Amino acid sequence: MKRAFSFFLAVILLICACILPGSAAFNASLDTMGISADIVLLLNLDSNTVIFDKNADKVTAPASLTKITTAILTIENCQDLDAVVTVKQSSIDAIAGTNSSTAGLLAGEELTVRQLLYCLLVRSANEAAVILADYIGGGSVPAFVQMMNDFAASLGCTNTHFVNPHGLDAEGHYSTARDLALITQHALELPLFSEIVNTVSYTLPATNKSEERNLLSTNWLINPNFKTYYCEYASGVKTGSTSGAGRCVISTASKDGYNYLAVVMNAPYEDINGDGNPDNRAFLDCKTLFEWAFDNLRMTKVADTTRIVTVVDVRLSNDADHVRLVPETEVTALVPVGNDENSVLIEAIPEETPTTVDAPVKKGDVLGKARILYAGDEIATVNLVAAEDVDVSIFLYLGNGIVKLFHSTVFLIVFALVLLVLAVYIGLIIRHNRQKKRRRAPKTIKNFRNLK
């Protein structure tokens, strides 16, 4: 009966698998979306679900995405964000000749830490990165860089190593899209960071060395004036560009209660519309990813507590020889529009689900775990619980206990000791009996013939 039921269930599950949508995992859609970046990671922040993963663990130059970490450490380690910092000549000299992005700060100029953060994140000013690193590092940029590496390690960023606070290409300075996503999620928990990275333009007040300056964000995703790149749902976060990193951007977007984080790296800068002006493909790719997700994905119920996933054989019961397993809770997950629980496959995870259990079993007992698959891609996991009670047979239970006792290590040791003691006892008895026989045996008189 058990074998017949298990075979029937296997056939049903096979049929269910065959009627699933024929599309591949979400990554397959990248080929039809025209994504040109070498590295892409799209994460749904509501469910922590990875939607797209293209080389997300590839080690690469992070360019100015580095400044996210610089900003985090500045905000978290500065006692007074309105403290005044005097720009050192050494900080200006550190980026001399690099032809990199700056805010035009001058040696001897006095600015607050807060103002320097706006220079760092809005204008992506490299000298601001060095100034802040020197200030927070107690006058030592290398000490600050060590803080950066310690921080990344504390988040579990195993493929990240910094050698500078600004992100200019350097040997040993690298990260991955997945690590940068972790760092960015941490940064977004800081209100000041979120406020600054969503600033389109910032007016830097006049200082002791300069009139006021207007800093325009390098992130064109959030600037309505750049209609080709502008995404009305996007917020922040940071751009980057070097010869080693290509064009990069990290951004978040929210619409209709759905929230996403995108990391796009090593995208080209090329003319795609033939107007003679090169286009930043990082912005275009990021915008495309957001629009695809908003248009195509919905949180949908993919499992309920009545769906039979598998069965497990039950021992020690006369009432049933198996128990059905169902999801412990209702599960929702991101799936393409038009799909529902009939479009997914739920399969028990063998290493976490036993093939047999002993009665008694109570309805709701957690007996295993299952993965929920859409188009072969795992989108969620859920505990499996018993769908009904199964009572135990007292006679089978006692018999099983006796069998277990006879096979237990303790029993075997005790039994061996008993046999040993018995063997010793028998040996002593035999020895005693032999000695007794010797004492009873008649004595032989020597030289009996010579007796007179």
Protein backbone atom coordinates (compact mmCIF):
# COMPACT_ATOMS: atom_id res chain seq x y z
CA MET A 1 0.00 0.00 0.00
CA LYS A 2 2.82 2.39 0.89
CA ARG A 3 4.62 1.79 -2.39
CA ALA A 4 1.44 2.24 -4.44
CA PHE A 5 0.61 5.57 -2.75
CA SER A 6 4.19 6.89 -3.11
CA PHE A 7 4.23 5.96 -6.81
CA PHE A 8 0.87 7.70 -7.36
CA LEU A 9 2.11 10.87 -5.64
CA ALA A 10 5.34 10.88 -7.68
CA VAL A 11 3.30 10.69 -10.90
CA ILE A 12 1.15 13.63 -9.80
CA LEU A 13 4.22 15.75 -8.97
CA LEU A 14 5.80 14.89 -12.31
CA ILE A 15 2.68 16.02 -14.15
CA CYS A 16 2.66 19.28 -12.18
CA ALA A 17 6.28 19.88 -13.13
CA CYS A 18 5.53 19.32 -16.79
CA ILE A 19 2.78 21.96 -16.94
CA LEU A 20 4.96 24.71 -15.43
CA PRO A 21 5.81 27.70 -17.66
CA GLY A 22 8.57 26.85 -20.08
CA SER A 23 10.57 30.03 -19.44
CA ALA A 24 13.94 29.94 -17.73
CA ALA A 25 14.83 31.76 -14.53
CA PHE A 26 14.59 35.56 -14.45
CA ASN A 27 18.17 35.86 -15.67
CA ALA A 28 17.04 34.66 -19.09
CA SER A 29 15.13 37.90 -19.53
CA LEU A 30 18.38 39.85 -19.48
CA ASP A 31 19.09 38.66 -23.02
CA THR A 32 15.89 40.20 -24.33
CA MET A 33 16.18 43.43 -22.34
CA GLY A 34 19.26 44.72 -24.09
CA ILE A 35 21.37 44.88 -20.92
CA SER A 36 24.95 45.69 -21.85
CA ALA A 37 26.63 45.86 -18.44
CA ASP A 38 28.98 43.04 -17.58
CA ILE A 39 27.81 42.97 -13.95
CA VAL A 40 24.20 43.25 -12.77
CA LEU A 41 22.40 42.59 -9.51
CA LEU A 42 18.73 43.42 -8.96
CA LEU A 43 17.42 42.78 -5.47
CA ASN A 44 13.86 43.05 -4.19
CA LEU A 45 14.23 44.71 -0.82
CA ASP A 46 10.83 43.61 0.47
CA SER A 47 11.59 39.90 0.32
CA ASN A 48 15.38 40.03 -0.04
CA THR A 49 14.93 38.14 -3.32
CA VAL A 50 17.58 38.29 -6.03
CA ILE A 51 15.77 38.96 -9.31
CA PHE A 52 18.77 39.22 -11.63
CA ASP A 53 22.31 38.03 -10.99
CA LYS A 54 24.83 38.52 -13.76
CA ASN A 55 28.39 38.09 -12.49
CA ALA A 56 27.33 39.47 -9.10
CA ASP A 57 30.32 37.81 -7.43
CA LYS A 58 32.87 38.88 -10.03
CA VAL A 59 35.71 40.83 -8.44
CA THR A 60 36.09 44.20 -10.13
CA ALA A 61 37.17 47.80 -9.61
CA PRO A 62 34.35 49.62 -7.75
CA ALA A 63 35.25 53.19 -8.78
CA SER A 64 33.40 55.84 -6.76
CA LEU A 65 30.94 53.30 -5.37
CA THR A 66 33.75 53.10 -2.81
CA LYS A 67 32.53 56.42 -1.42
CA ILE A 68 29.44 54.72 0.04
CA THR A 69 31.71 53.05 2.58
CA THR A 70 33.60 56.29 3.16
CA ALA A 71 30.32 58.05 3.92
CA ILE A 72 29.11 55.31 6.28
CA LEU A 73 32.26 55.44 8.40
CA THR A 74 32.19 59.23 8.47
CA ILE A 75 28.57 59.40 9.62
CA GLU A 76 28.95 56.62 12.19
CA ASN A 77 32.25 57.83 13.64
CA CYS A 78 31.81 61.60 13.70
CA GLN A 79 30.59 63.04 17.01
CA ASP A 80 29.61 66.37 15.46
CA LEU A 81 28.68 66.52 11.78
CA ASP A 82 28.81 70.31 11.95
CA ALA A 83 32.40 70.32 13.18
CA VAL A 84 34.62 72.48 10.99
CA VAL A 85 37.45 70.79 9.08
CA THR A 86 40.35 72.67 7.51
CA VAL A 87 41.41 71.26 4.16
CA LYS A 88 45.05 70.14 4.17
CA GLN A 89 47.34 70.70 1.23
CA SER A 90 48.27 66.99 1.42
CA SER A 91 44.62 66.05 0.78
CA ILE A 92 44.58 68.16 -2.38
CA ASP A 93 47.94 66.79 -3.48
CA ALA A 94 46.71 63.20 -3.02
CA ILE A 95 44.56 63.44 -6.15
CA ALA A 96 46.68 65.88 -8.13
CA GLY A 97 47.11 64.85 -11.75
CA THR A 98 44.33 62.23 -11.65
CA ASN A 99 41.93 64.37 -13.69
CA SER A 100 39.15 63.00 -11.49
CA SER A 101 35.91 64.41 -10.15
CA THR A 102 36.31 67.17 -7.57
CA ALA A 103 34.32 69.91 -5.87
CA GLY A 104 37.07 72.44 -6.39
CA LEU A 105 38.02 72.58 -2.71
CA LEU A 106 41.12 74.55 -1.73
CA ALA A 107 43.91 74.05 0.79
CA GLY A 108 43.10 76.00 3.94
CA GLU A 109 39.38 76.08 3.16
CA GLU A 110 37.08 75.47 6.11
CA LEU A 111 34.00 73.29 5.72
CA THR A 112 31.83 71.22 8.02
CA VAL A 113 31.80 67.45 7.90
CA ARG A 114 28.21 67.61 6.69
CA GLN A 115 29.20 69.88 3.78
CA LEU A 116 32.04 67.54 2.89
CA LEU A 117 29.59 64.63 2.80
CA TYR A 118 27.48 66.52 0.25
CA CYS A 119 30.63 67.13 -1.81
CA LEU A 120 31.47 63.43 -1.52
CA LEU A 121 28.09 61.96 -2.45
CA VAL A 122 26.44 64.57 -4.66
CA ARG A 123 29.41 65.73 -6.73
CA SER A 124 31.47 62.57 -6.08
CA ALA A 125 34.41 64.75 -5.07
CA ASN A 126 37.59 62.74 -4.63
CA GLU A 127 39.34 65.36 -2.55
CA ALA A 128 36.39 65.30 -0.14
CA ALA A 129 36.97 61.56 0.30
CA VAL A 130 40.61 62.13 1.25
CA ILE A 131 39.74 65.04 3.57
CA LEU A 132 37.14 63.01 5.43
CA ALA A 133 39.40 59.94 5.60
CA ASP A 134 42.17 62.06 7.09
CA TYR A 135 39.79 63.65 9.61
CA ILE A 136 38.01 60.46 10.75
CA GLY A 137 41.27 58.49 10.63
CA GLY A 138 42.87 60.85 13.15
CA GLY A 139 45.22 62.36 10.59
CA SER A 140 45.97 59.03 8.89
CA VAL A 141 44.28 58.04 5.63
CA PRO A 142 45.75 54.48 5.86
CA ALA A 143 44.15 54.11 9.30
CA PHE A 144 40.80 55.09 7.79
CA VAL A 145 41.26 52.62 4.94
CA GLN A 146 41.84 49.90 7.52
CA MET A 147 38.56 50.94 9.13
CA MET A 148 36.91 50.52 5.72
CA ASN A 149 38.22 46.99 5.36
CA ASP A 150 37.25 46.07 8.91
CA PHE A 151 33.75 47.40 8.31
CA ALA A 152 33.34 45.48 5.04
CA ALA A 153 34.50 42.28 6.74
CA SER A 154 32.00 42.82 9.56
CA LEU A 155 29.18 42.84 7.02
CA GLY A 156 30.38 39.59 5.50
CA CYS A 157 31.85 41.17 2.36
CA THR A 158 34.37 38.44 1.60
CA ASN A 159 35.34 39.74 -1.84
CA THR A 160 36.04 43.36 -1.00
CA HIS A 161 39.30 45.14 -0.25
CA PHE A 162 39.97 48.86 -0.22
CA VAL A 163 43.26 50.70 -0.57
CA ASN A 164 41.87 54.24 -0.83
CA PRO A 165 38.73 56.16 0.25
CA HIS A 166 37.71 57.51 -3.18
CA GLY A 167 37.77 54.56 -5.58
CA LEU A 168 40.35 55.56 -8.18
CA ASP A 169 41.75 52.43 -9.80
CA ALA A 170 44.54 50.86 -7.74
CA GLU A 171 46.02 47.42 -7.35
CA GLY A 172 44.28 45.56 -4.53
CA HIS A 173 41.23 47.84 -4.61
CA TYR A 174 38.22 45.73 -5.54
CA SER A 175 34.72 44.59 -4.67
CA THR A 176 31.69 42.79 -6.12
CA ALA A 177 28.12 43.77 -6.88
CA ARG A 178 26.86 41.48 -4.11
CA ASP A 179 29.21 42.97 -1.51
CA LEU A 180 28.34 46.51 -2.59
CA ALA A 181 24.65 45.70 -2.26
CA LEU A 182 25.27 44.67 1.36
CA ILE A 183 27.19 47.86 2.03
CA THR A 184 24.50 50.00 0.38
CA GLN A 185 21.70 48.39 2.38
CA HIS A 186 23.57 49.30 5.54
CA ALA A 187 24.10 52.86 4.30
CA LEU A 188 20.41 53.31 3.54
CA GLU A 189 19.64 52.73 7.21
CA LEU A 190 21.34 56.07 7.91
CA PRO A 191 18.82 58.93 7.38
CA LEU A 192 21.48 61.50 6.51
CA PHE A 193 22.98 59.24 3.88
CA SER A 194 19.60 58.65 2.24
CA GLU A 195 18.88 62.36 2.27
CA ILE A 196 22.18 63.32 0.65
CA VAL A 197 22.21 60.68 -2.11
CA ASN A 198 18.75 61.73 -3.23
CA THR A 199 19.83 65.37 -3.62
CA VAL A 200 19.82 66.52 -7.25
CA SER A 201 21.73 69.75 -6.58
CA TYR A 202 23.35 71.24 -3.52
CA THR A 203 24.47 74.76 -2.86
CA LEU A 204 27.72 74.74 -0.95
CA PRO A 205 27.75 77.92 1.15
CA ALA A 206 30.51 80.45 0.81
CA THR A 207 33.62 79.63 2.81
CA ASN A 208 36.73 81.49 3.90
CA LYS A 209 38.24 80.65 0.52
CA SER A 210 35.37 80.66 -1.96
CA GLU A 211 31.98 82.03 -2.90
CA GLU A 212 29.05 79.62 -2.79
CA ARG A 213 29.13 76.81 -5.30
CA ASN A 214 26.35 74.77 -6.83
CA LEU A 215 27.04 71.03 -6.89
CA LEU A 216 25.06 68.99 -9.41
CA SER A 217 24.53 65.29 -8.73
CA THR A 218 26.39 62.87 -10.96
CA ASN A 219 23.38 60.57 -10.74
CA TRP A 220 21.25 61.39 -13.77
CA LEU A 221 18.65 58.77 -12.86
CA ILE A 222 17.19 61.22 -10.34
CA ASN A 223 17.52 64.40 -12.42
CA PRO A 224 14.39 65.23 -14.49
CA ASN A 225 16.50 67.38 -16.80
CA PHE A 226 18.20 64.27 -18.18
CA LYS A 227 15.09 62.81 -19.80
CA THR A 228 16.89 59.88 -21.42
CA TYR A 229 18.10 58.57 -18.08
CA TYR A 230 15.57 59.94 -15.61
CA CYS A 231 13.54 57.34 -13.71
CA GLU A 232 10.74 58.88 -11.68
CA TYR A 233 10.74 55.97 -9.23
CA ALA A 234 14.49 56.03 -8.57
CA SER A 235 16.23 57.35 -5.45
CA GLY A 236 20.00 57.76 -5.13
CA VAL A 237 22.41 56.17 -4.60
CA LYS A 238 25.86 56.52 -6.15
CA THR A 239 27.65 56.57 -9.48
CA GLY A 240 31.15 55.58 -10.44
CA SER A 241 33.38 55.65 -13.49
CA THR A 242 37.01 54.70 -14.12
CA SER A 243 38.82 52.96 -16.93
CA GLY A 244 38.99 49.79 -14.84
CA ALA A 245 35.42 49.86 -13.55
CA GLY A 246 33.57 51.16 -16.62
CA ARG A 247 30.32 53.01 -15.96
CA CYS A 248 28.69 52.08 -12.66
CA VAL A 249 25.61 53.02 -10.69
CA ILE A 250 23.78 51.82 -7.62
CA SER A 251 20.21 52.97 -7.19
CA THR A 252 16.94 52.11 -5.47
CA ALA A 253 13.43 52.46 -6.84
CA SER A 254 9.96 52.22 -5.30
CA LYS A 255 6.54 51.89 -6.92
CA ASP A 256 3.18 50.50 -5.77
CA GLY A 257 4.70 49.13 -2.58
CA TYR A 258 7.54 47.33 -4.36
CA ASN A 259 11.13 48.30 -3.55
CA TYR A 260 14.25 47.35 -5.49
CA LEU A 261 18.01 47.87 -5.27
CA ALA A 262 20.05 47.68 -8.46
CA VAL A 263 23.82 47.43 -8.86
CA VAL A 264 25.12 47.93 -12.41
CA MET A 265 28.87 47.80 -13.06
CA ASN A 266 31.28 47.74 -15.97
CA ALA A 267 28.78 49.15 -18.43
CA PRO A 268 30.04 50.82 -21.64
CA TYR A 269 29.83 54.45 -22.67
CA GLU A 270 28.65 54.37 -26.27
CA ASP A 271 26.42 56.05 -28.79
CA ILE A 272 23.35 53.84 -29.09
CA ASN A 273 20.96 56.18 -30.90
CA GLY A 274 23.32 57.50 -33.55
CA ASP A 275 23.17 61.12 -32.47
CA GLY A 276 26.93 61.35 -32.09
CA ASN A 277 26.78 61.62 -28.29
CA PRO A 278 27.96 58.67 -26.18
CA ASP A 279 25.35 57.30 -23.78
CA ASN A 280 25.96 56.08 -20.24
CA ARG A 281 24.69 52.51 -20.48
CA ALA A 282 24.85 52.04 -16.70
CA PHE A 283 21.97 54.51 -16.27
CA LEU A 284 20.02 53.01 -19.15
CA ASP A 285 20.51 49.45 -17.90
CA CYS A 286 19.50 50.40 -14.36
CA LYS A 287 16.36 52.14 -15.59
CA THR A 288 15.48 49.13 -17.75
CA LEU A 289 15.88 46.76 -14.80
CA PHE A 290 13.55 48.81 -12.63
CA GLU A 291 10.91 49.16 -15.34
CA TRP A 292 10.98 45.43 -16.13
CA ALA A 293 10.55 44.52 -12.46
CA PHE A 294 7.68 46.93 -11.92
CA ASP A 295 5.91 45.80 -15.10
CA ASN A 296 6.45 42.06 -14.79
CA LEU A 297 6.71 40.94 -11.15
CA ARG A 298 4.06 40.68 -8.46
CA MET A 299 4.00 39.25 -4.96
CA THR A 300 1.71 36.23 -5.35
CA LYS A 301 0.59 33.38 -3.15
CA VAL A 302 2.61 30.39 -4.28
CA ALA A 303 1.80 27.92 -1.51
CA ASP A 304 -0.98 27.38 1.00
CA THR A 305 -1.39 25.09 3.96
CA THR A 306 -3.62 22.60 2.12
CA ARG A 307 -1.25 21.66 -0.68
CA ILE A 308 0.15 18.15 -0.26
CA VAL A 309 3.87 18.27 -1.03
CA THR A 310 4.91 14.72 -0.21
CA VAL A 311 4.19 11.82 2.13
CA VAL A 312 6.33 10.18 4.78
CA ASP A 313 5.99 6.58 5.92
CA VAL A 314 4.88 6.12 9.53
CA ARG A 315 6.02 3.30 11.79
CA LEU A 316 4.47 2.02 15.04
CA SER A 317 0.87 2.74 14.05
CA ASN A 318 -2.06 0.52 13.12
CA ASP A 319 -4.17 3.49 11.98
CA ALA A 320 -2.05 4.73 9.03
CA ASP A 321 1.09 3.77 7.19
CA HIS A 322 1.91 7.28 5.99
CA VAL A 323 1.38 10.95 6.87
CA ARG A 324 0.88 13.76 4.37
CA LEU A 325 3.13 16.82 4.55
CA VAL A 326 1.87 20.32 3.74
CA PRO A 327 3.41 23.82 3.96
CA GLU A 328 3.49 25.18 7.51
CA THR A 329 2.37 28.64 6.40
CA GLU A 330 1.02 30.40 3.35
CA VAL A 331 3.93 31.59 1.21
CA THR A 332 4.05 34.58 -1.12
CA ALA A 333 6.85 35.25 -3.58
CA LEU A 334 7.71 37.38 -6.56
CA VAL A 335 6.64 35.73 -9.80
CA PRO A 336 5.82 37.10 -13.24
CA VAL A 337 2.39 38.63 -13.71
CA GLY A 338 -0.27 36.03 -14.50
CA ASN A 339 1.31 33.24 -12.47
CA ASP A 340 0.03 31.77 -9.22
CA GLU A 341 0.49 28.73 -6.99
CA ASN A 342 -0.28 26.45 -9.92
CA SER A 343 2.79 27.81 -11.71
CA VAL A 344 5.31 26.68 -9.13
CA LEU A 345 6.72 23.36 -8.04
CA ILE A 346 7.11 22.60 -4.37
CA GLU A 347 9.55 19.80 -3.64
CA ALA A 348 10.75 18.38 -0.37
CA ILE A 349 14.41 18.92 0.38
CA PRO A 350 15.73 15.34 0.81
CA GLU A 351 18.47 16.14 3.32
CA GLU A 352 15.97 17.95 5.54
CA THR A 353 12.95 15.66 5.17
CA PRO A 354 12.98 12.09 6.56
CA THR A 355 11.59 9.15 4.62
CA THR A 356 10.01 7.62 7.74
CA VAL A 357 8.84 8.85 11.13
CA ASP A 358 7.63 7.09 14.25
CA ALA A 359 4.13 7.53 15.61
CA PRO A 360 2.68 9.35 17.42
CA VAL A 361 2.47 12.28 14.99
CA LYS A 362 0.45 15.40 15.77
CA LYS A 363 -1.09 17.62 13.12
CA GLY A 364 1.21 20.61 12.66
CA ASP A 365 4.41 18.83 13.71
CA VAL A 366 7.33 20.12 11.63
CA LEU A 367 8.70 17.09 9.81
CA GLY A 368 10.72 18.56 6.95
CA LYS A 369 11.41 21.44 4.62
CA ALA A 370 10.60 22.19 0.98
CA ARG A 371 11.88 24.51 -1.72
CA ILE A 372 9.50 26.42 -3.96
CA LEU A 373 10.64 26.56 -7.58
CA TYR A 374 9.57 28.77 -10.43
CA ALA A 375 10.97 27.76 -13.81
CA GLY A 376 13.65 25.76 -12.01
CA ASP A 377 14.76 28.68 -9.85
CA GLU A 378 14.31 28.57 -6.07
CA ILE A 379 12.18 31.52 -5.00
CA ALA A 380 11.35 30.51 -1.41
CA THR A 381 11.54 27.74 1.20
CA VAL A 382 8.96 26.59 3.71
CA ASN A 383 8.70 24.12 6.59
CA LEU A 384 6.63 21.00 5.99
CA VAL A 385 4.22 19.87 8.69
CA ALA A 386 1.98 16.87 9.27
CA ALA A 387 -1.49 17.32 7.80
CA GLU A 388 -3.14 14.94 10.29
CA ASP A 389 -2.68 13.09 13.56
CA VAL A 390 -1.36 9.53 13.56
CA ASP A 391 -1.80 7.59 16.79
CA VAL A 392 0.73 5.11 18.08
CA SER A 393 0.07 1.39 18.66
CA ILE A 394 1.14 0.56 22.20
CA PHE A 395 2.09 -3.00 21.29
CA LEU A 396 4.19 -1.90 18.30
CA TYR A 397 5.71 0.82 20.44
CA LEU A 398 6.71 -1.62 23.21
CA GLY A 399 7.99 -4.15 20.71
CA ASN A 400 10.05 -1.47 19.01
CA GLY A 401 11.38 -0.40 22.38
CA ILE A 402 12.52 -3.93 23.13
CA VAL A 403 14.18 -4.22 19.73
CA LYS A 404 15.90 -0.90 20.26
CA LEU A 405 17.01 -2.01 23.69
CA PHE A 406 18.57 -5.17 22.29
CA HIS A 407 20.39 -3.11 19.66
CA SER A 408 21.46 -0.29 21.92
CA THR A 409 25.12 0.27 22.74
CA VAL A 410 24.41 0.21 26.47
CA PHE A 411 22.63 -3.12 26.21
CA LEU A 412 25.42 -4.61 24.15
CA ILE A 413 28.03 -3.44 26.65
CA VAL A 414 26.03 -4.77 29.61
CA PHE A 415 25.41 -8.04 27.78
CA ALA A 416 29.12 -8.36 27.01
CA LEU A 417 29.96 -7.68 30.66
CA VAL A 418 27.45 -10.29 31.80
CA LEU A 419 28.97 -12.83 29.41
CA LEU A 420 32.41 -11.93 30.69
CA VAL A 421 31.36 -12.27 34.31
CA LEU A 422 29.60 -15.55 33.51
CA ALA A 423 32.68 -16.84 31.71
CA VAL A 424 34.88 -15.88 34.65
CA TYR A 425 32.41 -17.48 37.06
CA ILE A 426 32.28 -20.71 35.05
CA GLY A 427 36.06 -20.68 34.81
CA LEU A 428 36.34 -20.32 38.60
CA ILE A 429 33.83 -23.16 39.13
CA ILE A 430 35.78 -25.44 36.82
CA ARG A 431 39.02 -24.58 38.55
CA HIS A 432 37.47 -25.14 41.96
CA ASN A 433 36.09 -28.54 40.95
CA ARG A 434 39.45 -29.64 39.61
CA GLN A 435 41.17 -28.67 42.82
CA LYS A 436 38.52 -30.50 44.80
CA LYS A 437 39.03 -33.69 42.78
CA ARG A 438 42.74 -33.52 43.39
CA ARG A 439 42.20 -33.33 47.12
CA ARG A 440 39.89 -36.40 47.08
CA ALA A 441 42.15 -38.61 44.91
CA PRO A 442 43.98 -41.57 46.87
CA LYS A 443 47.62 -40.99 47.65
CA THR A 444 50.24 -43.29 46.10
CA ILE A 445 52.75 -44.81 48.55
CA LYS A 446 56.29 -44.77 47.25
CA ASN A 447 58.43 -47.99 47.53
CA PHE A 448 55.37 -49.99 48.53
CA ARG A 449 57.18 -53.32 47.73
CA ASN A 450 59.94 -52.62 50.20
CA LEU A 451 57.58 -52.34 53.09
CA LYS A 452 57.88 -55.19 55.58
